[in-house]
Amino acid sequence: MSDTKLPPALTSPRTRALALCGALVAALFGVAAFVPLPYTLTFPGVTADTLGSYQDRPVLTITGAPVRTPRGQLRMVTISATNPGERNTFWRSLQAWFDEDEAVRPTETVYPQGDPAKAEEVTAQQMTESQDAATAAALSYLGLSPAQVKVKVDLGDIGGPSAGQMLALGIIDKLAGDGKGGDLTGGLTVAGTGTIDDQGVVGPVGGVPLKTQAAARDGATVFLLPKDECADAKVNTPAGLRLVPVGTLAESVSALEALHAGGPVATC
């Protein structure tokens, strides 16, 4: 039997107390790693071409004026989120924090009062208002009367206000193109985001770093975004995606025409 003795420092009451505290802290971290947290994970969602169809139905149906069949695409983009009841632990949230294709947000900012039904009601109303504003802004830009030209928008169950800019551009491209017999996109796949009001002012929406990922995934080479969100958009910008900041619908149209003609275009 060995008579080797441990150093006094390793057997002192202080050392034993520190060891016990360390074990308790480790246990607490172990438990915390698996306890659900009040956070929701968000990630790149679907995109939809406002010049084409979504879920086998045309996104834009226009009556009361001749309609073109443009080349190219004008894709609105979305963000998807985990359900409020889904178990997002500390470790899962930490993984998302370091993943450029995911983001962590307080659940209450994604689902009001933690209620998916309430969230759907809010985003559906926002989409309706966005459609009306996009139609008003586009027709005003073209000098057309809403009493004469009717626009129906069908994006299935997609909600929220962030499709406004791309819906307005889709209406303009279908009705007038670039105004010179060509397409507004010049045949490019253009994606973008931004609210719009009936005066054509483009506003911020949030979540741009995830939306650029969705845009690049679905083939876009140009991304139109509100000017105020350039800094956010430059976080993990996908290779080959050109960020074009705009403040109004007129600026968006001018930027697309310049891209088509090879002229100078602002970038983030």
C-alpha atoms as a PDB file:
ATOM      1  CA  MET A   1       0.000   0.000   0.000  1.00  0.00           C
ATOM      2  CA  SER A   2       1.457   3.317  -1.046  1.00  0.00           C
ATOM      3  CA  ASP A   3       2.205   5.877   1.593  1.00  0.00           C
ATOM      4  CA  THR A   4       2.462   8.709  -0.915  1.00  0.00           C
ATOM      5  CA  LYS A   5       0.708  11.770   0.409  1.00  0.00           C
ATOM      6  CA  LEU A   6      -0.989  14.454  -1.660  1.00  0.00           C
ATOM      7  CA  PRO A   7       0.328  18.000  -1.311  1.00  0.00           C
ATOM      8  CA  PRO A   8      -1.558  19.950   1.357  1.00  0.00           C
ATOM      9  CA  ALA A   9      -2.744  22.449  -1.292  1.00  0.00           C
ATOM     10  CA  LEU A  10      -4.743  19.680  -2.979  1.00  0.00           C
ATOM     11  CA  THR A  11      -6.441  18.536   0.196  1.00  0.00           C
ATOM     12  CA  SER A  12      -7.173  21.852   1.852  1.00  0.00           C
ATOM     13  CA  PRO A  13     -10.810  22.877   2.561  1.00  0.00           C
ATOM     14  CA  ARG A  14     -10.438  25.759   0.077  1.00  0.00           C
ATOM     15  CA  THR A  15      -9.365  23.443  -2.738  1.00  0.00           C
ATOM     16  CA  ARG A  16     -12.198  21.020  -2.008  1.00  0.00           C
ATOM     17  CA  ALA A  17     -14.677  23.915  -1.998  1.00  0.00           C
ATOM     18  CA  LEU A  18     -13.401  25.195  -5.350  1.00  0.00           C
ATOM     19  CA  ALA A  19     -13.626  21.719  -6.817  1.00  0.00           C
ATOM     20  CA  LEU A  20     -17.214  21.374  -5.607  1.00  0.00           C
ATOM     21  CA  CYS A  21     -18.141  24.790  -7.044  1.00  0.00           C
ATOM     22  CA  GLY A  22     -16.529  23.855 -10.340  1.00  0.00           C
ATOM     23  CA  ALA A  23     -18.541  20.653 -10.478  1.00  0.00           C
ATOM     24  CA  LEU A  24     -21.754  22.543  -9.748  1.00  0.00           C
ATOM     25  CA  VAL A  25     -21.018  25.147 -12.445  1.00  0.00           C
ATOM     26  CA  ALA A  26     -20.253  22.392 -14.950  1.00  0.00           C
ATOM     27  CA  ALA A  27     -23.523  20.689 -14.057  1.00  0.00           C
ATOM     28  CA  LEU A  28     -25.447  23.939 -14.493  1.00  0.00           C
ATOM     29  CA  PHE A  29     -23.899  24.507 -17.923  1.00  0.00           C
ATOM     30  CA  GLY A  30     -24.726  20.940 -18.838  1.00  0.00           C
ATOM     31  CA  VAL A  31     -28.360  21.449 -17.923  1.00  0.00           C
ATOM     32  CA  ALA A  32     -28.524  24.877 -19.612  1.00  0.00           C
ATOM     33  CA  ALA A  33     -27.233  23.394 -22.845  1.00  0.00           C
ATOM     34  CA  PHE A  34     -30.430  21.372 -23.182  1.00  0.00           C
ATOM     35  CA  VAL A  35     -33.026  23.743 -21.723  1.00  0.00           C
ATOM     36  CA  PRO A  36     -35.275  25.391 -24.345  1.00  0.00           C
ATOM     37  CA  LEU A  37     -34.637  29.116 -24.737  1.00  0.00           C
ATOM     38  CA  PRO A  38     -37.083  31.871 -25.843  1.00  0.00           C
ATOM     39  CA  TYR A  39     -35.376  32.256 -29.211  1.00  0.00           C
ATOM     40  CA  THR A  40     -36.381  31.381 -32.753  1.00  0.00           C
ATOM     41  CA  LEU A  41     -33.983  30.322 -35.494  1.00  0.00           C
ATOM     42  CA  THR A  42     -34.386  32.023 -38.864  1.00  0.00           C
ATOM     43  CA  PHE A  43     -32.857  31.024 -42.182  1.00  0.00           C
ATOM     44  CA  PRO A  44     -33.136  31.750 -45.942  1.00  0.00           C
ATOM     45  CA  GLY A  45     -36.647  31.084 -47.195  1.00  0.00           C
ATOM     46  CA  VAL A  46     -38.286  30.690 -50.586  1.00  0.00           C
ATOM     47  CA  THR A  47     -38.047  33.202 -53.404  1.00  0.00           C
ATOM     48  CA  ALA A  48     -40.700  33.932 -56.019  1.00  0.00           C
ATOM     49  CA  ASP A  49     -40.405  35.534 -59.457  1.00  0.00           C
ATOM     50  CA  THR A  50     -42.936  38.353 -59.629  1.00  0.00           C
ATOM     51  CA  LEU A  51     -42.814  38.082 -63.428  1.00  0.00           C
ATOM     52  CA  GLY A  52     -43.704  34.396 -63.317  1.00  0.00           C
ATOM     53  CA  SER A  53     -45.643  31.937 -61.197  1.00  0.00           C
ATOM     54  CA  TYR A  54     -45.595  30.762 -57.603  1.00  0.00           C
ATOM     55  CA  GLN A  55     -47.127  27.424 -56.648  1.00  0.00           C
ATOM     56  CA  ASP A  56     -48.384  27.051 -60.233  1.00  0.00           C
ATOM     57  CA  ARG A  57     -50.309  30.334 -60.196  1.00  0.00           C
ATOM     58  CA  PRO A  58     -49.246  33.635 -61.815  1.00  0.00           C
ATOM     59  CA  VAL A  59     -47.960  36.089 -59.240  1.00  0.00           C
ATOM     60  CA  LEU A  60     -49.257  39.103 -61.159  1.00  0.00           C
ATOM     61  CA  THR A  61     -52.477  39.140 -63.182  1.00  0.00           C
ATOM     62  CA  ILE A  62     -53.022  42.506 -64.880  1.00  0.00           C
ATOM     63  CA  THR A  63     -56.147  43.574 -66.776  1.00  0.00           C
ATOM     64  CA  GLY A  64     -57.161  46.809 -68.451  1.00  0.00           C
ATOM     65  CA  ALA A  65     -53.919  47.329 -70.402  1.00  0.00           C
ATOM     66  CA  PRO A  66     -51.675  45.342 -72.794  1.00  0.00           C
ATOM     67  CA  VAL A  67     -49.288  43.050 -70.919  1.00  0.00           C
ATOM     68  CA  ARG A  68     -45.792  42.019 -72.011  1.00  0.00           C
ATOM     69  CA  THR A  69     -44.049  38.683 -71.454  1.00  0.00           C
ATOM     70  CA  PRO A  70     -40.667  39.748 -70.094  1.00  0.00           C
ATOM     71  CA  ARG A  71     -37.454  37.774 -70.072  1.00  0.00           C
ATOM     72  CA  GLY A  72     -35.384  37.643 -66.907  1.00  0.00           C
ATOM     73  CA  GLN A  73     -36.681  37.418 -63.369  1.00  0.00           C
ATOM     74  CA  LEU A  74     -37.584  39.774 -60.539  1.00  0.00           C
ATOM     75  CA  ARG A  75     -37.493  37.616 -57.415  1.00  0.00           C
ATOM     76  CA  MET A  76     -38.888  38.627 -54.043  1.00  0.00           C
ATOM     77  CA  VAL A  77     -37.215  36.815 -51.146  1.00  0.00           C
ATOM     78  CA  THR A  78     -38.355  35.528 -47.782  1.00  0.00           C
ATOM     79  CA  ILE A  79     -37.038  34.326 -44.442  1.00  0.00           C
ATOM     80  CA  SER A  80     -38.217  31.103 -42.808  1.00  0.00           C
ATOM     81  CA  ALA A  81     -38.359  30.463 -39.063  1.00  0.00           C
ATOM     82  CA  THR A  82     -38.666  27.558 -36.676  1.00  0.00           C
ATOM     83  CA  ASN A  83     -42.028  27.107 -34.972  1.00  0.00           C
ATOM     84  CA  PRO A  84     -42.436  28.874 -31.602  1.00  0.00           C
ATOM     85  CA  GLY A  85     -42.923  25.521 -29.877  1.00  0.00           C
ATOM     86  CA  GLU A  86     -39.754  24.040 -31.328  1.00  0.00           C
ATOM     87  CA  ARG A  87     -37.065  23.236 -28.764  1.00  0.00           C
ATOM     88  CA  ASN A  88     -34.127  25.561 -29.477  1.00  0.00           C
ATOM     89  CA  THR A  89     -31.447  24.923 -26.878  1.00  0.00           C
ATOM     90  CA  PHE A  90     -28.380  26.922 -25.941  1.00  0.00           C
ATOM     91  CA  TRP A  91     -26.112  24.712 -28.045  1.00  0.00           C
ATOM     92  CA  ARG A  92     -28.460  24.819 -31.046  1.00  0.00           C
ATOM     93  CA  SER A  93     -28.671  28.595 -30.809  1.00  0.00           C
ATOM     94  CA  LEU A  94     -24.908  28.834 -30.467  1.00  0.00           C
ATOM     95  CA  GLN A  95     -24.460  26.772 -33.641  1.00  0.00           C
ATOM     96  CA  ALA A  96     -26.845  29.087 -35.491  1.00  0.00           C
ATOM     97  CA  TRP A  97     -24.916  32.122 -34.246  1.00  0.00           C
ATOM     98  CA  PHE A  98     -21.828  30.962 -36.143  1.00  0.00           C
ATOM     99  CA  ASP A  99     -23.701  29.756 -39.249  1.00  0.00           C
ATOM    100  CA  GLU A 100     -24.093  32.387 -42.003  1.00  0.00           C
ATOM    101  CA  ASP A 101     -27.252  30.611 -43.188  1.00  0.00           C
ATOM    102  CA  GLU A 102     -29.029  31.020 -39.849  1.00  0.00           C
ATOM    103  CA  ALA A 103     -29.795  33.758 -37.336  1.00  0.00           C
ATOM    104  CA  VAL A 104     -31.154  33.788 -33.789  1.00  0.00           C
ATOM    105  CA  ARG A 105     -33.988  36.171 -32.837  1.00  0.00           C
ATOM    106  CA  PRO A 106     -36.182  36.540 -29.742  1.00  0.00           C
ATOM    107  CA  THR A 107     -39.309  34.502 -30.370  1.00  0.00           C
ATOM    108  CA  GLU A 108     -41.571  37.416 -29.433  1.00  0.00           C
ATOM    109  CA  THR A 109     -40.196  39.455 -32.360  1.00  0.00           C
ATOM    110  CA  VAL A 110     -41.059  36.667 -34.801  1.00  0.00           C
ATOM    111  CA  TYR A 111     -44.315  35.426 -33.267  1.00  0.00           C
ATOM    112  CA  PRO A 112     -46.312  38.123 -31.452  1.00  0.00           C
ATOM    113  CA  GLN A 113     -47.296  36.782 -28.015  1.00  0.00           C
ATOM    114  CA  GLY A 114     -45.811  33.439 -29.091  1.00  0.00           C
ATOM    115  CA  ASP A 115     -48.876  32.805 -31.236  1.00  0.00           C
ATOM    116  CA  PRO A 116     -48.318  31.541 -34.836  1.00  0.00           C
ATOM    117  CA  ALA A 117     -51.953  32.274 -35.727  1.00  0.00           C
ATOM    118  CA  LYS A 118     -51.576  35.885 -34.586  1.00  0.00           C
ATOM    119  CA  ALA A 119     -48.338  36.175 -36.553  1.00  0.00           C
ATOM    120  CA  GLU A 120     -50.009  34.857 -39.701  1.00  0.00           C
ATOM    121  CA  GLU A 121     -52.860  37.332 -39.274  1.00  0.00           C
ATOM    122  CA  VAL A 122     -50.429  40.238 -38.933  1.00  0.00           C
ATOM    123  CA  THR A 123     -48.224  39.237 -41.880  1.00  0.00           C
ATOM    124  CA  ALA A 124     -51.252  38.574 -44.102  1.00  0.00           C
ATOM    125  CA  GLN A 125     -52.505  42.098 -43.435  1.00  0.00           C
ATOM    126  CA  GLN A 126     -49.031  43.484 -44.122  1.00  0.00           C
ATOM    127  CA  MET A 127     -48.932  41.642 -47.457  1.00  0.00           C
ATOM    128  CA  THR A 128     -52.326  43.047 -48.479  1.00  0.00           C
ATOM    129  CA  GLU A 129     -51.204  46.576 -47.666  1.00  0.00           C
ATOM    130  CA  SER A 130     -47.913  45.985 -49.505  1.00  0.00           C
ATOM    131  CA  GLN A 131     -49.723  44.777 -52.625  1.00  0.00           C
ATOM    132  CA  ASP A 132     -51.994  47.814 -52.669  1.00  0.00           C
ATOM    133  CA  ALA A 133     -49.060  50.197 -52.182  1.00  0.00           C
ATOM    134  CA  ALA A 134     -46.964  48.448 -54.851  1.00  0.00           C
ATOM    135  CA  THR A 135     -49.813  48.661 -57.341  1.00  0.00           C
ATOM    136  CA  ALA A 136     -50.439  52.343 -56.596  1.00  0.00           C
ATOM    137  CA  ALA A 137     -46.731  53.204 -56.837  1.00  0.00           C
ATOM    138  CA  ALA A 138     -46.192  51.306 -60.092  1.00  0.00           C
ATOM    139  CA  LEU A 139     -49.261  52.726 -61.845  1.00  0.00           C
ATOM    140  CA  SER A 140     -48.414  56.230 -60.669  1.00  0.00           C
ATOM    141  CA  TYR A 141     -44.882  55.841 -62.031  1.00  0.00           C
ATOM    142  CA  LEU A 142     -46.316  54.807 -65.409  1.00  0.00           C
ATOM    143  CA  GLY A 143     -48.985  57.514 -65.407  1.00  0.00           C
ATOM    144  CA  LEU A 144     -51.804  54.962 -65.473  1.00  0.00           C
ATOM    145  CA  SER A 145     -55.106  55.090 -63.651  1.00  0.00           C
ATOM    146  CA  PRO A 146     -56.017  52.487 -61.020  1.00  0.00           C
ATOM    147  CA  ALA A 147     -59.582  52.825 -62.191  1.00  0.00           C
ATOM    148  CA  GLN A 148     -58.536  51.477 -65.586  1.00  0.00           C
ATOM    149  CA  VAL A 149     -55.756  49.004 -64.778  1.00  0.00           C
ATOM    150  CA  LYS A 150     -56.411  46.263 -62.240  1.00  0.00           C
ATOM    151  CA  VAL A 151     -53.682  44.179 -60.638  1.00  0.00           C
ATOM    152  CA  LYS A 152     -54.206  40.922 -58.769  1.00  0.00           C
ATOM    153  CA  VAL A 153     -51.315  39.530 -56.704  1.00  0.00           C
ATOM    154  CA  ASP A 154     -51.086  35.873 -55.692  1.00  0.00           C
ATOM    155  CA  LEU A 155     -48.169  34.787 -53.519  1.00  0.00           C
ATOM    156  CA  GLY A 156     -49.944  31.968 -51.735  1.00  0.00           C
ATOM    157  CA  ASP A 157     -49.371  32.031 -47.991  1.00  0.00           C
ATOM    158  CA  ILE A 158     -46.337  34.354 -48.129  1.00  0.00           C
ATOM    159  CA  GLY A 159     -46.910  37.298 -45.816  1.00  0.00           C
ATOM    160  CA  GLY A 160     -45.220  40.462 -44.652  1.00  0.00           C
ATOM    161  CA  PRO A 161     -44.452  43.807 -46.301  1.00  0.00           C
ATOM    162  CA  SER A 162     -41.007  43.138 -47.769  1.00  0.00           C
ATOM    163  CA  ALA A 163     -42.113  42.123 -51.294  1.00  0.00           C
ATOM    164  CA  GLY A 164     -43.377  45.617 -52.084  1.00  0.00           C
ATOM    165  CA  GLN A 165     -40.459  46.846 -54.167  1.00  0.00           C
ATOM    166  CA  MET A 166     -40.239  43.691 -56.294  1.00  0.00           C
ATOM    167  CA  LEU A 167     -43.999  43.594 -56.882  1.00  0.00           C
ATOM    168  CA  ALA A 168     -43.942  47.201 -58.106  1.00  0.00           C
ATOM    169  CA  LEU A 169     -41.031  46.470 -60.446  1.00  0.00           C
ATOM    170  CA  GLY A 170     -42.831  43.388 -61.740  1.00  0.00           C
ATOM    171  CA  ILE A 171     -45.913  45.457 -62.605  1.00  0.00           C
ATOM    172  CA  ILE A 172     -43.779  48.032 -64.435  1.00  0.00           C
ATOM    173  CA  ASP A 173     -41.879  45.368 -66.394  1.00  0.00           C
ATOM    174  CA  LYS A 174     -45.070  43.594 -67.431  1.00  0.00           C
ATOM    175  CA  LEU A 175     -46.721  46.817 -68.581  1.00  0.00           C
ATOM    176  CA  ALA A 176     -43.863  48.883 -70.002  1.00  0.00           C
ATOM    177  CA  GLY A 177     -40.528  47.066 -69.747  1.00  0.00           C
ATOM    178  CA  ASP A 178     -37.672  49.539 -70.004  1.00  0.00           C
ATOM    179  CA  GLY A 179     -39.869  51.931 -71.993  1.00  0.00           C
ATOM    180  CA  LYS A 180     -37.843  51.286 -75.151  1.00  0.00           C
ATOM    181  CA  GLY A 181     -39.235  47.932 -76.187  1.00  0.00           C
ATOM    182  CA  GLY A 182     -36.883  45.927 -73.983  1.00  0.00           C
ATOM    183  CA  ASP A 183     -37.093  44.224 -70.620  1.00  0.00           C
ATOM    184  CA  LEU A 184     -36.503  46.063 -67.371  1.00  0.00           C
ATOM    185  CA  THR A 185     -34.203  43.266 -66.199  1.00  0.00           C
ATOM    186  CA  GLY A 186     -32.244  43.028 -69.430  1.00  0.00           C
ATOM    187  CA  GLY A 187     -32.712  39.273 -69.123  1.00  0.00           C
ATOM    188  CA  LEU A 188     -30.948  39.090 -65.733  1.00  0.00           C
ATOM    189  CA  THR A 189     -32.175  37.305 -62.633  1.00  0.00           C
ATOM    190  CA  VAL A 190     -32.654  40.158 -60.163  1.00  0.00           C
ATOM    191  CA  ALA A 191     -33.721  39.680 -56.570  1.00  0.00           C
ATOM    192  CA  GLY A 192     -34.519  42.251 -53.947  1.00  0.00           C
ATOM    193  CA  THR A 193     -36.336  43.308 -50.844  1.00  0.00           C
ATOM    194  CA  GLY A 194     -37.844  46.441 -49.372  1.00  0.00           C
ATOM    195  CA  THR A 195     -41.194  47.821 -48.378  1.00  0.00           C
ATOM    196  CA  ILE A 196     -42.820  50.413 -50.602  1.00  0.00           C
ATOM    197  CA  ASP A 197     -45.438  53.076 -50.017  1.00  0.00           C
ATOM    198  CA  ASP A 198     -47.895  54.468 -52.562  1.00  0.00           C
ATOM    199  CA  GLN A 199     -45.464  57.323 -53.281  1.00  0.00           C
ATOM    200  CA  GLY A 200     -42.758  54.834 -54.311  1.00  0.00           C
ATOM    201  CA  VAL A 201     -40.485  55.233 -51.280  1.00  0.00           C
ATOM    202  CA  VAL A 202     -38.520  52.047 -50.547  1.00  0.00           C
ATOM    203  CA  GLY A 203     -38.109  51.227 -46.850  1.00  0.00           C
ATOM    204  CA  PRO A 204     -36.033  48.809 -44.735  1.00  0.00           C
ATOM    205  CA  VAL A 205     -37.234  45.346 -43.816  1.00  0.00           C
ATOM    206  CA  GLY A 206     -34.537  43.513 -41.818  1.00  0.00           C
ATOM    207  CA  GLY A 207     -33.037  40.068 -42.301  1.00  0.00           C
ATOM    208  CA  VAL A 208     -31.089  41.107 -45.390  1.00  0.00           C
ATOM    209  CA  PRO A 209     -28.047  38.813 -44.802  1.00  0.00           C
ATOM    210  CA  LEU A 210     -30.334  35.771 -44.934  1.00  0.00           C
ATOM    211  CA  LYS A 211     -32.223  37.125 -47.936  1.00  0.00           C
ATOM    212  CA  THR A 212     -29.044  37.576 -49.968  1.00  0.00           C
ATOM    213  CA  GLN A 213     -28.260  33.917 -49.298  1.00  0.00           C
ATOM    214  CA  ALA A 214     -31.692  32.919 -50.638  1.00  0.00           C
ATOM    215  CA  ALA A 215     -31.272  35.173 -53.677  1.00  0.00           C
ATOM    216  CA  ALA A 216     -27.890  33.735 -54.632  1.00  0.00           C
ATOM    217  CA  ARG A 217     -29.131  30.187 -54.052  1.00  0.00           C
ATOM    218  CA  ASP A 218     -31.912  30.770 -56.599  1.00  0.00           C
ATOM    219  CA  GLY A 219     -29.682  32.253 -59.286  1.00  0.00           C
ATOM    220  CA  ALA A 220     -29.774  36.010 -58.733  1.00  0.00           C
ATOM    221  CA  THR A 221     -26.743  38.082 -59.707  1.00  0.00           C
ATOM    222  CA  VAL A 222     -28.188  41.457 -58.639  1.00  0.00           C
ATOM    223  CA  PHE A 223     -29.840  42.299 -55.323  1.00  0.00           C
ATOM    224  CA  LEU A 224     -31.846  45.519 -54.878  1.00  0.00           C
ATOM    225  CA  LEU A 225     -32.157  46.672 -51.279  1.00  0.00           C
ATOM    226  CA  PRO A 226     -33.043  49.748 -49.207  1.00  0.00           C
ATOM    227  CA  LYS A 227     -30.123  52.168 -48.858  1.00  0.00           C
ATOM    228  CA  ASP A 228     -30.228  52.032 -45.081  1.00  0.00           C
ATOM    229  CA  GLU A 229     -29.471  48.304 -45.079  1.00  0.00           C
ATOM    230  CA  CYS A 230     -26.201  48.301 -47.006  1.00  0.00           C
ATOM    231  CA  ALA A 231     -24.114  47.626 -43.906  1.00  0.00           C
ATOM    232  CA  ASP A 232     -26.212  44.602 -42.964  1.00  0.00           C
ATOM    233  CA  ALA A 233     -26.212  43.295 -46.534  1.00  0.00           C
ATOM    234  CA  LYS A 234     -22.423  43.257 -46.674  1.00  0.00           C
ATOM    235  CA  VAL A 235     -22.310  40.644 -43.914  1.00  0.00           C
ATOM    236  CA  ASN A 236     -21.445  37.347 -45.624  1.00  0.00           C
ATOM    237  CA  THR A 237     -22.487  38.588 -49.074  1.00  0.00           C
ATOM    238  CA  PRO A 238     -22.576  35.592 -51.438  1.00  0.00           C
ATOM    239  CA  ALA A 239     -19.935  35.585 -54.164  1.00  0.00           C
ATOM    240  CA  GLY A 240     -21.196  36.922 -57.492  1.00  0.00           C
ATOM    241  CA  LEU A 241     -24.133  38.856 -56.019  1.00  0.00           C
ATOM    242  CA  ARG A 242     -24.075  42.597 -56.707  1.00  0.00           C
ATOM    243  CA  LEU A 243     -25.705  44.735 -54.019  1.00  0.00           C
ATOM    244  CA  VAL A 244     -27.543  47.780 -55.411  1.00  0.00           C
ATOM    245  CA  PRO A 245     -28.946  50.258 -52.855  1.00  0.00           C
ATOM    246  CA  VAL A 246     -32.041  52.299 -53.722  1.00  0.00           C
ATOM    247  CA  GLY A 247     -34.345  54.740 -51.963  1.00  0.00           C
ATOM    248  CA  THR A 248     -37.284  55.007 -54.352  1.00  0.00           C
ATOM    249  CA  LEU A 249     -39.014  53.044 -57.079  1.00  0.00           C
ATOM    250  CA  ALA A 250     -37.671  55.495 -59.665  1.00  0.00           C
ATOM    251  CA  GLU A 251     -34.127  54.786 -58.455  1.00  0.00           C
ATOM    252  CA  SER A 252     -34.759  51.046 -58.745  1.00  0.00           C
ATOM    253  CA  VAL A 253     -35.927  51.415 -62.340  1.00  0.00           C
ATOM    254  CA  SER A 254     -32.963  53.651 -63.192  1.00  0.00           C
ATOM    255  CA  ALA A 255     -30.535  51.172 -61.637  1.00  0.00           C
ATOM    256  CA  LEU A 256     -31.940  48.296 -63.676  1.00  0.00           C
ATOM    257  CA  GLU A 257     -31.823  50.348 -66.864  1.00  0.00           C
ATOM    258  CA  ALA A 258     -28.193  51.297 -66.150  1.00  0.00           C
ATOM    259  CA  LEU A 259     -27.260  47.669 -65.519  1.00  0.00           C
ATOM    260  CA  HIS A 260     -28.875  46.739 -68.805  1.00  0.00           C
ATOM    261  CA  ALA A 261     -27.046  49.496 -70.678  1.00  0.00           C
ATOM    262  CA  GLY A 262     -23.705  48.954 -68.948  1.00  0.00           C
ATOM    263  CA  GLY A 263     -23.786  52.347 -67.223  1.00  0.00           C
ATOM    264  CA  PRO A 264     -22.625  53.255 -63.707  1.00  0.00           C
ATOM    265  CA  VAL A 265     -24.639  51.798 -60.862  1.00  0.00           C
ATOM    266  CA  ALA A 266     -24.312  52.456 -57.140  1.00  0.00           C
ATOM    267  CA  THR A 267     -23.197  49.520 -55.004  1.00  0.00           C
ATOM    268  CA  CYS A 268     -22.966  48.877 -51.275  1.00  0.00           C
END
